[in-house]
Amino acid sequence: MAAILVVDDSSAVLKIVRLALSSQGHNVITSNTGEEALEKLKADVSIHLGIFDFNMPGLSGINLIRETKKITKNPKFKLLVLSVEDKPDIISNALFNGADAWMIKPFNNEQLIKQVTELFGSDASL
């Protein structure tokens, strides 16, 4: 399955997402900060999906999206934002800057698994 980088400043969210996606066979890599996430993306070209919190200390969500798009050379790389933000202007700005999907917290594991599956589509090469 896919290598997925999950970035959130909440250890509880990281644990929930890791457990949900690893139960589906995915290799889940976690990070507490945007800066650390960028380093992991540079070091591991096998990452196919980023799941990013939008509101974290340090690097802003929009800048993390922009920097990720500069770093990742894989055209199949997808980016899902997982956030409490539900304002249409914030969501549309993130999508305009490179996010592929937006999911609002709180979420349940089934919703998350479904969203990840939809992002990968029928790409069997993962």
N, C-alpha and C. Protein backbone atom coordinates (compact mmCIF):
# COMPACT_ATOMS: atom_id res chain seq x y z
N MET A 1 0.83 -1.18 0.00
CA MET A 1 0.00 0.00 0.00
C MET A 1 0.88 1.25 0.00
N ALA A 2 0.27 2.37 0.33
CA ALA A 2 0.95 3.66 0.19
C ALA A 2 1.69 4.10 1.43
N ALA A 3 2.72 4.93 1.21
CA ALA A 3 3.41 5.61 2.29
C ALA A 3 2.69 6.94 2.48
N ILE A 4 2.26 7.20 3.73
CA ILE A 4 1.47 8.39 4.04
C ILE A 4 2.15 9.17 5.16
N LEU A 5 2.32 10.47 4.94
CA LEU A 5 2.89 11.36 5.96
C LEU A 5 1.75 12.13 6.62
N VAL A 6 1.60 11.96 7.93
CA VAL A 6 0.55 12.64 8.69
C VAL A 6 1.22 13.70 9.56
N VAL A 7 0.75 14.94 9.45
CA VAL A 7 1.34 16.05 10.19
C VAL A 7 0.26 16.72 11.04
N ASP A 8 0.47 16.69 12.35
CA ASP A 8 -0.48 17.33 13.26
C ASP A 8 0.25 17.62 14.57
N ASP A 9 -0.09 18.73 15.22
CA ASP A 9 0.54 19.03 16.50
C ASP A 9 -0.16 18.31 17.65
N SER A 10 -1.22 17.58 17.38
CA SER A 10 -1.92 16.80 18.40
C SER A 10 -1.48 15.34 18.32
N SER A 11 -0.87 14.84 19.39
CA SER A 11 -0.43 13.44 19.39
C SER A 11 -1.63 12.50 19.33
N ALA A 12 -2.78 12.91 19.87
CA ALA A 12 -3.98 12.07 19.81
C ALA A 12 -4.45 11.90 18.37
N VAL A 13 -4.47 12.99 17.60
CA VAL A 13 -4.88 12.90 16.19
C VAL A 13 -3.89 12.03 15.41
N LEU A 14 -2.60 12.22 15.66
CA LEU A 14 -1.59 11.40 14.97
C LEU A 14 -1.84 9.92 15.23
N LYS A 15 -2.13 9.58 16.48
CA LYS A 15 -2.34 8.18 16.84
C LYS A 15 -3.60 7.62 16.17
N ILE A 16 -4.69 8.38 16.19
CA ILE A 16 -5.95 7.93 15.58
C ILE A 16 -5.77 7.69 14.09
N VAL A 17 -5.16 8.66 13.41
CA VAL A 17 -4.97 8.55 11.95
C VAL A 17 -4.02 7.39 11.64
N ARG A 18 -2.93 7.28 12.40
CA ARG A 18 -1.97 6.19 12.17
C ARG A 18 -2.64 4.83 12.32
N LEU A 19 -3.42 4.64 13.37
CA LEU A 19 -4.09 3.36 13.60
C LEU A 19 -5.10 3.05 12.50
N ALA A 20 -5.89 4.05 12.11
CA ALA A 20 -6.91 3.85 11.08
C ALA A 20 -6.28 3.45 9.74
N LEU A 21 -5.23 4.16 9.35
CA LEU A 21 -4.65 3.91 8.03
C LEU A 21 -3.71 2.70 8.02
N SER A 22 -3.01 2.46 9.11
CA SER A 22 -2.15 1.27 9.14
C SER A 22 -3.00 0.01 9.16
N SER A 23 -4.22 0.10 9.68
CA SER A 23 -5.12 -1.07 9.65
C SER A 23 -5.52 -1.43 8.23
N GLN A 24 -5.34 -0.49 7.31
CA GLN A 24 -5.63 -0.72 5.89
C GLN A 24 -4.39 -1.12 5.11
N GLY A 25 -3.27 -1.28 5.82
CA GLY A 25 -2.03 -1.71 5.18
C GLY A 25 -1.09 -0.61 4.77
N HIS A 26 -1.44 0.64 5.06
CA HIS A 26 -0.58 1.76 4.68
C HIS A 26 0.59 1.91 5.64
N ASN A 27 1.70 2.42 5.12
CA ASN A 27 2.87 2.76 5.92
C ASN A 27 2.70 4.21 6.35
N VAL A 28 2.43 4.44 7.63
CA VAL A 28 2.13 5.78 8.13
C VAL A 28 3.33 6.35 8.86
N ILE A 29 3.77 7.52 8.39
CA ILE A 29 4.88 8.27 8.98
C ILE A 29 4.26 9.50 9.63
N THR A 30 4.66 9.82 10.86
CA THR A 30 4.06 10.97 11.53
C THR A 30 5.08 12.07 11.81
N SER A 31 4.53 13.27 11.94
CA SER A 31 5.35 14.44 12.24
C SER A 31 4.52 15.41 13.07
N ASN A 32 5.18 16.08 14.04
CA ASN A 32 4.48 17.04 14.90
C ASN A 32 4.53 18.46 14.36
N THR A 33 5.42 18.74 13.41
CA THR A 33 5.57 20.11 12.89
C THR A 33 5.68 20.11 11.37
N GLY A 34 5.34 21.24 10.80
CA GLY A 34 5.47 21.40 9.36
C GLY A 34 6.91 21.35 8.91
N GLU A 35 7.79 21.93 9.71
CA GLU A 35 9.22 21.94 9.35
C GLU A 35 9.78 20.51 9.31
N GLU A 36 9.42 19.72 10.31
CA GLU A 36 9.87 18.32 10.34
C GLU A 36 9.27 17.54 9.16
N ALA A 37 8.03 17.84 8.82
CA ALA A 37 7.37 17.17 7.70
C ALA A 37 8.11 17.43 6.39
N LEU A 38 8.54 18.67 6.19
CA LEU A 38 9.27 18.99 4.95
C LEU A 38 10.58 18.21 4.87
N GLU A 39 11.26 18.06 6.00
CA GLU A 39 12.49 17.26 6.02
C GLU A 39 12.20 15.80 5.66
N LYS A 40 11.12 15.26 6.19
CA LYS A 40 10.75 13.87 5.90
C LYS A 40 10.37 13.71 4.43
N LEU A 41 9.70 14.69 3.86
CA LEU A 41 9.35 14.63 2.44
C LEU A 41 10.59 14.67 1.56
N LYS A 42 11.57 15.48 1.95
CA LYS A 42 12.82 15.55 1.19
C LYS A 42 13.58 14.24 1.26
N ALA A 43 13.52 13.58 2.41
CA ALA A 43 14.31 12.36 2.63
C ALA A 43 13.64 11.10 2.08
N ASP A 44 12.34 11.12 1.87
CA ASP A 44 11.62 9.90 1.48
C ASP A 44 10.73 10.16 0.27
N VAL A 45 11.22 9.80 -0.91
CA VAL A 45 10.47 10.04 -2.14
C VAL A 45 9.34 9.04 -2.34
N SER A 46 9.24 8.05 -1.45
CA SER A 46 8.18 7.05 -1.59
C SER A 46 6.85 7.51 -1.01
N ILE A 47 6.82 8.68 -0.35
CA ILE A 47 5.57 9.16 0.25
C ILE A 47 4.61 9.57 -0.86
N HIS A 48 3.39 8.99 -0.81
CA HIS A 48 2.39 9.22 -1.85
C HIS A 48 1.28 10.18 -1.42
N LEU A 49 1.13 10.36 -0.10
CA LEU A 49 0.03 11.18 0.40
C LEU A 49 0.48 11.93 1.63
N GLY A 50 0.10 13.20 1.71
CA GLY A 50 0.29 13.99 2.91
C GLY A 50 -1.06 14.30 3.51
N ILE A 51 -1.20 14.08 4.81
CA ILE A 51 -2.41 14.47 5.53
C ILE A 51 -1.97 15.51 6.55
N PHE A 52 -2.34 16.75 6.31
CA PHE A 52 -1.83 17.87 7.09
C PHE A 52 -2.91 18.58 7.88
N ASP A 53 -2.60 18.87 9.15
CA ASP A 53 -3.43 19.79 9.93
C ASP A 53 -3.16 21.18 9.34
N PHE A 54 -4.14 22.06 9.42
CA PHE A 54 -3.96 23.39 8.84
C PHE A 54 -3.46 24.41 9.85
N ASN A 55 -3.92 24.30 11.10
CA ASN A 55 -3.54 25.25 12.14
C ASN A 55 -2.55 24.62 13.10
N MET A 56 -1.27 24.89 12.87
CA MET A 56 -0.22 24.37 13.73
C MET A 56 0.73 25.51 14.07
N PRO A 57 1.43 25.39 15.20
CA PRO A 57 2.45 26.40 15.48
C PRO A 57 3.58 26.31 14.46
N GLY A 58 4.27 27.41 14.25
CA GLY A 58 5.37 27.41 13.28
C GLY A 58 4.86 27.64 11.88
N LEU A 59 5.26 26.80 10.97
CA LEU A 59 4.91 26.91 9.56
C LEU A 59 3.39 26.85 9.38
N SER A 60 2.82 27.85 8.74
CA SER A 60 1.37 27.88 8.53
C SER A 60 0.93 26.79 7.56
N GLY A 61 -0.32 26.43 7.65
CA GLY A 61 -0.87 25.38 6.78
C GLY A 61 -0.71 25.70 5.31
N ILE A 62 -0.98 26.94 4.94
CA ILE A 62 -0.89 27.32 3.53
C ILE A 62 0.56 27.26 3.05
N ASN A 63 1.50 27.67 3.90
CA ASN A 63 2.91 27.60 3.52
C ASN A 63 3.41 26.17 3.47
N LEU A 64 2.90 25.33 4.35
CA LEU A 64 3.27 23.91 4.30
C LEU A 64 2.79 23.29 2.99
N ILE A 65 1.60 23.63 2.56
CA ILE A 65 1.08 23.12 1.29
C ILE A 65 1.97 23.60 0.14
N ARG A 66 2.27 24.88 0.11
CA ARG A 66 3.10 25.44 -0.97
C ARG A 66 4.48 24.81 -1.01
N GLU A 67 5.12 24.70 0.14
CA GLU A 67 6.47 24.12 0.20
C GLU A 67 6.45 22.64 -0.19
N THR A 68 5.42 21.94 0.23
CA THR A 68 5.29 20.52 -0.13
C THR A 68 5.20 20.36 -1.64
N LYS A 69 4.43 21.20 -2.27
CA LYS A 69 4.27 21.11 -3.73
C LYS A 69 5.59 21.40 -4.45
N LYS A 70 6.45 22.23 -3.84
CA LYS A 70 7.76 22.49 -4.44
C LYS A 70 8.69 21.29 -4.27
N ILE A 71 8.58 20.60 -3.15
CA ILE A 71 9.48 19.49 -2.82
C ILE A 71 9.13 18.21 -3.56
N THR A 72 7.84 17.87 -3.55
CA THR A 72 7.43 16.57 -4.10
C THR A 72 7.49 16.59 -5.62
N LYS A 73 8.23 15.65 -6.14
CA LYS A 73 8.38 15.55 -7.59
C LYS A 73 7.46 14.47 -8.17
N ASN A 74 6.83 13.69 -7.28
CA ASN A 74 5.93 12.62 -7.72
C ASN A 74 4.61 13.24 -8.20
N PRO A 75 4.28 13.10 -9.49
CA PRO A 75 3.04 13.70 -10.00
C PRO A 75 1.78 13.06 -9.41
N LYS A 76 1.92 11.89 -8.81
CA LYS A 76 0.77 11.20 -8.21
C LYS A 76 0.59 11.56 -6.73
N PHE A 77 1.48 12.40 -6.17
CA PHE A 77 1.38 12.79 -4.77
C PHE A 77 0.07 13.54 -4.53
N LYS A 78 -0.62 13.18 -3.46
CA LYS A 78 -1.88 13.82 -3.08
C LYS A 78 -1.74 14.45 -1.71
N LEU A 79 -2.57 15.46 -1.47
CA LEU A 79 -2.51 16.18 -0.20
C LEU A 79 -3.93 16.39 0.34
N LEU A 80 -4.16 15.88 1.54
CA LEU A 80 -5.44 16.02 2.23
C LEU A 80 -5.22 16.89 3.46
N VAL A 81 -6.04 17.94 3.60
CA VAL A 81 -5.98 18.77 4.80
C VAL A 81 -7.05 18.26 5.75
N LEU A 82 -6.64 18.08 7.00
CA LEU A 82 -7.53 17.61 8.06
C LEU A 82 -7.55 18.71 9.11
N SER A 83 -8.67 19.44 9.22
CA SER A 83 -8.67 20.65 10.05
C SER A 83 -10.03 20.93 10.67
N VAL A 84 -10.03 21.70 11.74
CA VAL A 84 -11.28 22.19 12.32
C VAL A 84 -11.83 23.37 11.53
N GLU A 85 -11.01 23.96 10.68
CA GLU A 85 -11.44 25.10 9.86
C GLU A 85 -12.55 24.68 8.90
N ASP A 86 -13.60 25.49 8.84
CA ASP A 86 -14.68 25.18 7.90
C ASP A 86 -15.11 26.40 7.07
N LYS A 87 -14.26 27.44 7.10
CA LYS A 87 -14.58 28.65 6.34
C LYS A 87 -14.28 28.44 4.86
N PRO A 88 -15.26 28.69 3.99
CA PRO A 88 -15.07 28.45 2.56
C PRO A 88 -13.87 29.16 1.95
N ASP A 89 -13.56 30.38 2.40
CA ASP A 89 -12.43 31.10 1.80
C ASP A 89 -11.10 30.44 2.17
N ILE A 90 -10.98 29.92 3.38
CA ILE A 90 -9.75 29.24 3.80
C ILE A 90 -9.60 27.93 3.02
N ILE A 91 -10.69 27.20 2.91
CA ILE A 91 -10.66 25.92 2.20
C ILE A 91 -10.33 26.13 0.72
N SER A 92 -10.98 27.10 0.09
CA SER A 92 -10.72 27.32 -1.34
C SER A 92 -9.29 27.80 -1.58
N ASN A 93 -8.74 28.59 -0.67
CA ASN A 93 -7.35 29.04 -0.79
C ASN A 93 -6.40 27.84 -0.71
N ALA A 94 -6.66 26.93 0.20
CA ALA A 94 -5.81 25.74 0.33
C ALA A 94 -5.90 24.87 -0.92
N LEU A 95 -7.10 24.71 -1.44
CA LEU A 95 -7.27 23.90 -2.66
C LEU A 95 -6.60 24.58 -3.85
N PHE A 96 -6.70 25.89 -3.93
CA PHE A 96 -6.05 26.65 -5.00
C PHE A 96 -4.54 26.49 -4.94
N ASN A 97 -3.99 26.41 -3.73
CA ASN A 97 -2.54 26.32 -3.55
C ASN A 97 -1.99 24.90 -3.59
N GLY A 98 -2.83 23.92 -3.84
CA GLY A 98 -2.30 22.58 -4.06
C GLY A 98 -2.90 21.45 -3.27
N ALA A 99 -3.75 21.74 -2.29
CA ALA A 99 -4.40 20.64 -1.57
C ALA A 99 -5.38 19.95 -2.52
N ASP A 100 -5.50 18.64 -2.39
CA ASP A 100 -6.42 17.88 -3.24
C ASP A 100 -7.78 17.67 -2.59
N ALA A 101 -7.82 17.74 -1.25
CA ALA A 101 -9.08 17.52 -0.55
C ALA A 101 -8.99 18.15 0.84
N TRP A 102 -10.15 18.37 1.44
CA TRP A 102 -10.24 18.98 2.77
C TRP A 102 -11.23 18.15 3.59
N MET A 103 -10.86 17.81 4.80
CA MET A 103 -11.74 17.05 5.68
C MET A 103 -11.79 17.77 7.02
N ILE A 104 -12.99 17.93 7.55
CA ILE A 104 -13.17 18.68 8.79
C ILE A 104 -13.14 17.76 10.00
N LYS A 105 -12.37 18.20 11.02
CA LYS A 105 -12.35 17.51 12.31
C LYS A 105 -13.56 17.97 13.10
N PRO A 106 -14.16 17.15 13.92
CA PRO A 106 -13.83 15.75 14.13
C PRO A 106 -14.30 14.89 12.97
N PHE A 107 -13.68 13.75 12.81
CA PHE A 107 -13.99 12.82 11.73
C PHE A 107 -14.07 11.43 12.35
N ASN A 108 -14.61 10.49 11.59
CA ASN A 108 -14.53 9.11 12.06
C ASN A 108 -13.61 8.33 11.12
N ASN A 109 -13.14 7.21 11.59
CA ASN A 109 -12.16 6.43 10.83
C ASN A 109 -12.69 6.02 9.46
N GLU A 110 -13.95 5.67 9.37
CA GLU A 110 -14.53 5.25 8.09
C GLU A 110 -14.48 6.39 7.07
N GLN A 111 -14.78 7.62 7.53
CA GLN A 111 -14.71 8.78 6.63
C GLN A 111 -13.28 8.98 6.13
N LEU A 112 -12.33 8.87 7.04
CA LEU A 112 -10.93 9.07 6.68
C LEU A 112 -10.47 8.01 5.68
N ILE A 113 -10.76 6.77 5.96
CA ILE A 113 -10.37 5.67 5.06
C ILE A 113 -11.01 5.85 3.69
N LYS A 114 -12.28 6.24 3.66
CA LYS A 114 -12.96 6.47 2.38
C LYS A 114 -12.30 7.60 1.60
N GLN A 115 -11.98 8.70 2.29
CA GLN A 115 -11.35 9.85 1.62
C GLN A 115 -9.99 9.47 1.04
N VAL A 116 -9.19 8.74 1.81
CA VAL A 116 -7.87 8.31 1.35
C VAL A 116 -8.02 7.39 0.14
N THR A 117 -8.95 6.47 0.20
CA THR A 117 -9.19 5.55 -0.92
C THR A 117 -9.59 6.32 -2.17
N GLU A 118 -10.45 7.33 -2.01
CA GLU A 118 -10.88 8.14 -3.16
C GLU A 118 -9.71 8.93 -3.75
N LEU A 119 -8.83 9.43 -2.91
CA LEU A 119 -7.69 10.18 -3.42
C LEU A 119 -6.76 9.31 -4.25
N PHE A 120 -6.60 8.07 -3.83
CA PHE A 120 -5.73 7.16 -4.59
C PHE A 120 -6.45 6.62 -5.82
N GLY A 121 -7.76 6.61 -5.82
CA GLY A 121 -8.52 6.13 -6.95
C GLY A 121 -8.16 4.69 -7.29
N SER A 122 -8.04 4.41 -8.54
CA SER A 122 -7.74 3.04 -8.97
C SER A 122 -6.27 2.85 -9.25
N ASP A 123 -5.42 3.68 -8.66
CA ASP A 123 -3.98 3.60 -8.89
C ASP A 123 -3.39 2.37 -8.19
N ALA A 124 -3.22 1.32 -8.92
CA ALA A 124 -2.73 0.06 -8.35
C ALA A 124 -1.22 0.05 -8.16
N SER A 125 -0.54 1.10 -8.64
CA SER A 125 0.92 1.12 -8.53
C SER A 125 1.39 1.53 -7.13
N LEU A 126 0.49 1.87 -6.24
CA LEU A 126 0.88 2.26 -4.89
C LEU A 126 1.14 1.02 -4.14
